[in-house]
Amino acid sequence: MTFSALPRRSALGLLAAAPVMIGARGLARAAPTSPPRPPLRKPRALKAGDTLGLVAPAGFIADRFGLEEIMEAVRAMGLEPKPAAHMLDRNGYLAGSDKDRADDLMKMFRDDSVSAIMSVRGGWGCARILPLLDYAEIARHPKIFCGFSDNTALHLAFAAHTGVPSVHGPNASASWPQDAWDAFHALAFEGATPTYKVPANVGTSLSAQTNPVRTFHPGTARGRLLGGNLTVLSALVGTPYLPDFTGAILFIEDTNESEYRIDRMLTQLSLAGIFDKVAGIVFGQCTNCVNPDGGWGNFTIYEVLDRQFASLGKPAFQGAAIGHIAHQDSIPVGIPAEIDSIAGTIRVLEPLTA
């Protein structure tokens, strides 16, 4: 019998039994279901001379010369690069078939000669391989995995199913300015517990001396760091690859999205009950997030964020060096941290590595 054929009273009974929650704004929201939180399994720290596995779980590399440049950058890190077998494959906008990209990633986790893994780029395609990964095997071979943008899908799936923390940081093809390298080195090599602060404005104008932090709600909060690219995260809502955000610090960023699209995706997270669960929110950078056709009635990106976050009653700020920028911080996904939304800081509370 179809739902539409049920008697009205029975249909209402089914609706009443559906799991919902009433959020802070009085909206009825579906209660998100997440897999049980796995125990934390920390990888070992990197040291000079270690082998870094290079994978392309999403977009393709244009040619072998691009790969050679990436490998030179890895050698400059004091590491030995090991490209995946299908690194130069291409299947439309993807770096080979879903099966081959998943196999490449799994082989890097299983290979005892590989100490850590780094994605060469983002693009689109990581979510396509999530059902093909062996999460139990990844948990048995905890290794640092680093990348950002579309690699958010992997960070979240690892947090949901393996307990292995990862690094939301530069891809191997990044320009790696000194501060970005120092941030990654501190986490991955030194076992440091850094404090990240919203970078000060630079320039000669008077405005360069003002506080660059945009505080939507004041306060401090503690929780494990979870998040990444907003577009990728929102696309995983309702799937089994989203971790439990209860008590977490949600960090998000995006690029090339109009203000109304950012609003739409944040609303999706709100309606899914995620904002009700988190302890605090950090919005990094929204690079080129301007609708050229917005007109006089358009919201700025900061108005969008203020309208979404100010009424939550939870510490929330914008401006962290997280996102599609060269000088980005490396954020340890799955590791506890404390945020101060007035100071604009993220203080990592324990090392990423064992």
Protein backbone atom coordinates (compact mmCIF):
# COMPACT_ATOMS: atom_id res chain seq x y z
CA MET A 1 0.00 0.00 0.00
CA THR A 2 1.42 3.39 -0.91
CA PHE A 3 1.61 6.22 1.57
CA SER A 4 -1.07 8.15 -0.34
CA ALA A 5 -3.45 5.20 0.00
CA LEU A 6 -3.23 5.08 3.80
CA PRO A 7 -6.14 6.39 5.83
CA ARG A 8 -5.63 10.02 6.84
CA ARG A 9 -5.28 9.14 10.56
CA SER A 10 -2.60 6.52 9.77
CA ALA A 11 -0.73 8.94 7.55
CA LEU A 12 -0.74 11.55 10.29
CA GLY A 13 0.49 8.94 12.73
CA LEU A 14 3.47 8.16 10.52
CA LEU A 15 4.30 11.83 10.25
CA ALA A 16 4.08 12.24 14.01
CA ALA A 17 6.48 9.33 14.48
CA ALA A 18 9.07 10.80 12.11
CA PRO A 19 12.17 12.09 13.95
CA VAL A 20 12.10 15.90 13.98
CA MET A 21 13.47 18.61 16.20
CA ILE A 22 12.45 22.18 16.83
CA GLY A 23 15.48 24.40 16.39
CA ALA A 24 16.36 27.69 18.04
CA ARG A 25 14.44 29.59 15.37
CA GLY A 26 11.28 27.57 15.83
CA LEU A 27 11.62 25.71 12.53
CA ALA A 28 10.76 22.03 12.32
CA ARG A 29 13.90 20.19 11.27
CA ALA A 30 14.67 16.59 10.49
CA ALA A 31 16.87 15.03 13.16
CA PRO A 32 20.10 14.13 11.32
CA THR A 33 21.33 10.59 11.73
CA SER A 34 25.06 9.93 11.86
CA PRO A 35 27.13 6.79 12.38
CA PRO A 36 28.43 6.16 15.92
CA ARG A 37 31.51 8.21 16.63
CA PRO A 38 34.61 5.99 16.22
CA PRO A 39 37.54 6.19 18.65
CA LEU A 40 40.34 8.59 17.75
CA ARG A 41 43.23 6.86 15.94
CA LYS A 42 46.10 9.29 15.52
CA PRO A 43 48.71 8.90 12.76
CA ARG A 44 52.40 9.19 13.42
CA ALA A 45 54.26 12.42 12.78
CA LEU A 46 56.25 12.97 9.61
CA LYS A 47 60.01 13.27 9.52
CA ALA A 48 62.48 14.28 6.83
CA GLY A 49 62.99 11.56 4.25
CA ASP A 50 59.53 10.03 4.65
CA THR A 51 57.51 9.04 1.60
CA LEU A 52 54.44 11.14 0.75
CA GLY A 53 51.81 9.38 -1.34
CA LEU A 54 50.22 11.58 -3.99
CA VAL A 55 46.65 10.89 -5.07
CA ALA A 56 44.10 12.51 -7.37
CA PRO A 57 40.72 11.50 -5.91
CA ALA A 58 38.80 14.17 -7.83
CA GLY A 59 39.95 16.31 -10.79
CA PHE A 60 42.66 15.36 -13.23
CA ILE A 61 46.17 16.77 -13.71
CA ALA A 62 46.60 18.31 -17.13
CA ASP A 63 49.93 16.69 -18.06
CA ARG A 64 53.03 14.94 -16.75
CA PHE A 65 54.90 18.23 -16.51
CA GLY A 66 52.40 19.42 -13.91
CA LEU A 67 53.06 16.25 -11.94
CA GLU A 68 56.80 16.80 -12.17
CA GLU A 69 56.37 20.29 -10.67
CA ILE A 70 54.29 18.86 -7.83
CA MET A 71 56.91 16.21 -7.11
CA GLU A 72 59.61 18.87 -6.98
CA ALA A 73 57.57 20.77 -4.41
CA VAL A 74 57.27 17.62 -2.30
CA ARG A 75 61.03 17.08 -2.45
CA ALA A 76 61.47 20.67 -1.30
CA MET A 77 59.47 19.66 1.79
CA GLY A 78 62.15 17.09 2.57
CA LEU A 79 59.85 14.23 1.57
CA GLU A 80 59.99 11.63 -1.17
CA PRO A 81 56.96 11.74 -3.49
CA LYS A 82 55.20 8.57 -4.59
CA PRO A 83 52.50 9.24 -7.21
CA ALA A 84 49.52 6.90 -7.42
CA ALA A 85 49.37 4.44 -10.30
CA HIS A 86 46.53 6.25 -12.11
CA MET A 87 47.75 9.75 -11.35
CA LEU A 88 47.76 10.88 -14.99
CA ASP A 89 44.54 9.12 -16.02
CA ARG A 90 41.64 11.19 -17.28
CA ASN A 91 37.95 10.40 -17.53
CA GLY A 92 36.26 13.64 -18.55
CA TYR A 93 36.79 16.04 -15.65
CA LEU A 94 37.82 13.17 -13.35
CA ALA A 95 41.28 11.69 -12.79
CA GLY A 96 40.29 8.28 -14.09
CA SER A 97 37.45 5.96 -13.14
CA ASP A 98 35.86 5.97 -9.69
CA LYS A 99 37.24 2.48 -9.02
CA ASP A 100 40.80 3.43 -9.98
CA ARG A 101 40.76 6.61 -7.91
CA ALA A 102 39.43 4.72 -4.90
CA ASP A 103 41.96 1.92 -5.39
CA ASP A 104 44.80 4.44 -5.60
CA LEU A 105 43.81 5.96 -2.27
CA MET A 106 43.38 2.60 -0.56
CA LYS A 107 46.76 1.36 -1.82
CA MET A 108 48.43 4.39 -0.25
CA PHE A 109 46.87 3.58 3.12
CA ARG A 110 47.90 -0.08 2.84
CA ASP A 111 51.46 0.66 1.66
CA ASP A 112 53.72 0.57 4.71
CA SER A 113 56.40 2.50 2.84
CA VAL A 114 54.05 5.52 2.59
CA SER A 115 54.03 7.70 5.71
CA ALA A 116 51.36 10.23 4.72
CA ILE A 117 49.05 11.04 1.81
CA MET A 118 48.31 14.31 0.06
CA SER A 119 45.78 15.12 -2.63
CA VAL A 120 47.23 16.90 -5.63
CA ARG A 121 44.10 18.98 -6.27
CA GLY A 122 40.37 19.36 -5.75
CA GLY A 123 37.73 19.79 -8.43
CA TRP A 124 34.88 17.32 -8.18
CA GLY A 125 34.76 13.57 -7.65
CA CYS A 126 35.70 12.66 -4.05
CA ALA A 127 32.10 11.99 -3.05
CA ARG A 128 31.79 9.51 -5.92
CA ILE A 129 34.41 7.21 -4.38
CA LEU A 130 33.14 7.26 -0.78
CA PRO A 131 31.15 3.99 -1.15
CA LEU A 132 34.24 2.28 -2.61
CA LEU A 133 36.60 2.91 0.32
CA ASP A 134 37.42 0.38 3.04
CA TYR A 135 37.11 2.47 6.20
CA ALA A 136 38.05 -0.37 8.54
CA GLU A 137 41.30 -0.77 6.61
CA ILE A 138 41.99 2.98 6.79
CA ALA A 139 41.43 2.85 10.56
CA ARG A 140 43.98 0.01 10.81
CA HIS A 141 46.57 2.10 8.94
CA PRO A 142 46.15 5.65 10.28
CA LYS A 143 48.08 8.15 8.19
CA ILE A 144 47.98 11.91 7.74
CA PHE A 145 45.80 12.85 4.79
CA CYS A 146 45.98 16.47 3.60
CA GLY A 147 43.93 18.42 1.08
CA PHE A 148 41.07 20.88 0.83
CA SER A 149 38.16 21.95 -1.37
CA ASP A 150 36.52 18.79 -2.80
CA ASN A 151 38.68 16.71 -0.46
CA THR A 152 36.27 17.85 2.27
CA ALA A 153 34.21 14.76 1.38
CA LEU A 154 37.13 12.53 2.42
CA HIS A 155 37.82 14.46 5.64
CA LEU A 156 34.19 14.12 6.71
CA ALA A 157 33.93 10.44 5.75
CA PHE A 158 37.14 9.66 7.65
CA ALA A 159 35.81 11.48 10.72
CA ALA A 160 32.52 9.59 10.46
CA HIS A 161 33.86 6.09 9.91
CA THR A 162 37.54 5.79 10.86
CA GLY A 163 38.40 8.12 13.73
CA VAL A 164 41.62 9.03 11.88
CA PRO A 165 42.18 12.81 12.03
CA SER A 166 43.24 14.57 8.85
CA VAL A 167 44.48 17.97 7.71
CA HIS A 168 42.33 20.49 5.91
CA GLY A 169 45.25 22.25 4.29
CA PRO A 170 46.95 22.94 0.96
CA ASN A 171 46.84 20.44 -1.88
CA ALA A 172 50.18 19.31 -3.24
CA SER A 173 49.76 21.58 -6.29
CA ALA A 174 49.43 24.69 -4.10
CA SER A 175 51.95 27.53 -4.27
CA TRP A 176 53.07 26.79 -0.67
CA PRO A 177 54.12 30.22 0.60
CA GLN A 178 56.22 30.11 3.74
CA ASP A 179 53.40 30.66 6.22
CA ALA A 180 51.27 27.90 4.66
CA TRP A 181 54.23 25.52 4.80
CA ASP A 182 55.02 26.50 8.41
CA ALA A 183 51.41 25.80 9.44
CA PHE A 184 51.43 22.34 7.86
CA HIS A 185 54.89 21.53 9.22
CA ALA A 186 53.86 22.45 12.76
CA LEU A 187 50.96 20.00 12.70
CA ALA A 188 52.39 17.15 10.65
CA PHE A 189 56.07 17.17 11.64
CA GLU A 190 56.29 18.85 15.04
CA GLY A 191 53.15 17.62 16.76
CA ALA A 192 52.43 21.23 17.70
CA THR A 193 49.20 22.65 19.12
CA PRO A 194 49.07 26.04 17.40
CA THR A 195 46.68 28.93 17.87
CA TYR A 196 45.38 30.35 14.61
CA LYS A 197 44.30 33.98 14.54
CA VAL A 198 42.37 35.93 11.93
CA PRO A 199 45.17 37.60 9.94
CA ALA A 200 45.53 41.35 10.32
CA ASN A 201 44.67 43.58 7.42
CA VAL A 202 47.65 44.74 5.40
CA GLY A 203 48.08 48.04 3.62
CA THR A 204 48.65 51.70 4.33
CA SER A 205 45.08 52.93 4.83
CA LEU A 206 43.59 53.67 8.24
CA SER A 207 41.21 50.74 7.78
CA ALA A 208 44.19 48.39 7.77
CA GLN A 209 44.55 49.10 11.50
CA THR A 210 41.03 47.98 12.42
CA ASN A 211 40.05 44.62 13.87
CA PRO A 212 39.64 42.21 10.93
CA VAL A 213 37.46 39.78 12.93
CA ARG A 214 33.75 39.74 12.12
CA THR A 215 32.05 38.47 15.27
CA PHE A 216 28.48 37.28 14.74
CA HIS A 217 28.01 36.12 18.34
CA PRO A 218 30.56 36.58 21.14
CA GLY A 219 31.95 33.84 23.33
CA THR A 220 34.23 30.83 23.55
CA ALA A 221 33.52 27.19 22.76
CA ARG A 222 35.33 23.87 22.73
CA GLY A 223 34.80 20.85 20.50
CA ARG A 224 36.40 18.72 17.83
CA LEU A 225 37.04 20.52 14.55
CA LEU A 226 34.79 19.35 11.71
CA GLY A 227 34.05 20.96 8.38
CA GLY A 228 35.61 22.19 5.18
CA ASN A 229 34.08 23.38 1.93
CA LEU A 230 30.45 24.42 2.42
CA THR A 231 29.28 23.22 -1.00
CA VAL A 232 30.73 19.75 -0.47
CA LEU A 233 29.53 19.51 3.13
CA SER A 234 25.95 20.50 2.29
CA ALA A 235 25.88 17.96 -0.54
CA LEU A 236 26.63 15.18 1.99
CA VAL A 237 23.65 16.01 4.22
CA GLY A 238 21.41 12.95 4.39
CA THR A 239 24.20 10.54 3.45
CA PRO A 240 26.03 8.10 5.78
CA TYR A 241 29.29 10.01 5.26
CA LEU A 242 28.54 12.98 7.49
CA PRO A 243 29.94 12.71 11.04
CA ASP A 244 28.05 13.54 14.21
CA PHE A 245 28.38 17.29 14.80
CA THR A 246 27.24 17.17 18.42
CA GLY A 247 29.47 19.55 20.38
CA ALA A 248 31.74 20.17 17.39
CA ILE A 249 33.38 23.36 16.15
CA LEU A 250 32.12 23.71 12.59
CA PHE A 251 34.51 25.44 10.20
CA ILE A 252 33.45 26.24 6.65
CA GLU A 253 34.67 28.12 3.58
CA ASP A 254 33.79 28.46 -0.09
CA THR A 255 34.66 30.07 -3.38
CA ASN A 256 32.93 31.42 -6.49
CA GLU A 257 29.45 31.11 -4.99
CA SER A 258 26.88 33.91 -5.08
CA GLU A 259 25.58 35.22 -1.80
CA TYR A 260 22.17 33.62 -2.27
CA ARG A 261 23.80 30.22 -2.85
CA ILE A 262 25.78 30.55 0.39
CA ASP A 263 22.51 31.47 2.10
CA ARG A 264 20.79 28.44 0.55
CA MET A 265 23.49 26.01 1.69
CA LEU A 266 23.65 27.44 5.20
CA THR A 267 19.87 27.16 5.39
CA GLN A 268 20.18 23.52 4.39
CA LEU A 269 22.58 22.89 7.28
CA SER A 270 20.23 24.72 9.61
CA LEU A 271 17.18 22.75 8.50
CA ALA A 272 19.17 19.52 8.87
CA GLY A 273 19.73 20.37 12.53
CA ILE A 274 23.49 20.75 12.28
CA PHE A 275 23.57 24.29 13.67
CA ASP A 276 21.57 23.09 16.66
CA LYS A 277 24.22 20.48 17.43
CA VAL A 278 27.48 22.43 17.09
CA ALA A 279 29.19 24.31 19.91
CA GLY A 280 30.54 27.09 17.70
CA ILE A 281 31.13 28.16 14.11
CA VAL A 282 34.11 29.54 12.20
CA PHE A 283 33.60 30.82 8.68
CA GLY A 284 36.93 31.22 6.91
CA GLN A 285 37.17 32.90 3.53
CA CYS A 286 34.53 33.16 0.82
CA THR A 287 36.71 33.91 -2.19
CA ASN A 288 34.94 35.67 -5.07
CA CYS A 289 31.54 35.11 -3.45
CA VAL A 290 29.81 37.98 -5.22
CA ASN A 291 26.82 37.85 -7.55
CA PRO A 292 27.52 40.47 -10.26
CA ASP A 293 23.80 40.55 -11.08
CA GLY A 294 22.64 40.92 -7.49
CA GLY A 295 21.47 44.49 -7.87
CA TRP A 296 20.47 46.93 -5.14
CA GLY A 297 18.41 44.31 -3.27
CA ASN A 298 21.30 41.89 -2.85
CA PHE A 299 22.75 40.92 0.54
CA THR A 300 26.48 41.11 1.07
CA ILE A 301 28.14 37.87 2.10
CA TYR A 302 28.62 39.31 5.59
CA GLU A 303 24.91 40.10 5.89
CA VAL A 304 24.13 36.52 4.89
CA LEU A 305 26.45 35.14 7.55
CA ASP A 306 25.21 37.58 10.20
CA ARG A 307 21.58 36.64 9.55
CA GLN A 308 22.41 32.94 9.76
CA PHE A 309 24.70 32.94 12.79
CA ALA A 310 23.84 35.88 15.07
CA SER A 311 20.58 34.40 16.35
CA LEU A 312 22.03 30.96 17.16
CA GLY A 313 23.36 32.07 20.53
CA LYS A 314 26.65 30.28 19.88
CA PRO A 315 30.16 31.70 19.36
CA ALA A 316 30.59 32.44 15.67
CA PHE A 317 33.03 34.55 13.68
CA GLN A 318 34.42 35.05 10.19
CA GLY A 319 37.85 35.80 8.79
CA ALA A 320 40.07 32.81 9.57
CA ALA A 321 42.70 31.90 6.98
CA ILE A 322 40.76 28.85 5.81
CA GLY A 323 39.74 28.40 2.21
CA HIS A 324 40.74 28.97 -1.38
CA ILE A 325 43.67 31.25 -0.55
CA ALA A 326 47.41 30.79 -0.85
CA HIS A 327 48.21 31.72 2.75
CA GLN A 328 45.94 29.17 4.38
CA ASP A 329 46.18 27.55 7.78
CA SER A 330 46.24 23.78 8.20
CA ILE A 331 43.25 22.73 10.30
CA PRO A 332 43.36 19.35 12.10
CA VAL A 333 39.99 17.75 11.34
CA GLY A 334 38.70 15.64 14.23
CA ILE A 335 41.00 17.19 16.85
CA PRO A 336 39.64 19.20 19.83
CA ALA A 337 40.05 22.97 19.73
CA GLU A 338 38.81 26.09 21.46
CA ILE A 339 37.55 29.15 19.61
CA ASP A 340 37.20 32.74 20.82
CA SER A 341 34.84 34.60 18.52
CA ILE A 342 35.85 38.04 19.74
CA ALA A 343 39.59 37.47 19.43
CA GLY A 344 39.08 35.47 16.22
CA THR A 345 41.22 32.55 17.35
CA ILE A 346 41.26 28.78 16.98
CA ARG A 347 43.41 27.12 19.65
CA VAL A 348 44.26 23.49 18.94
CA LEU A 349 44.08 21.56 22.22
CA GLU A 350 46.02 18.41 21.42
CA PRO A 351 48.45 17.19 18.75
CA LEU A 352 47.25 15.79 15.45
CA THR A 353 49.81 13.00 15.68
CA ALA A 354 50.49 10.24 18.20
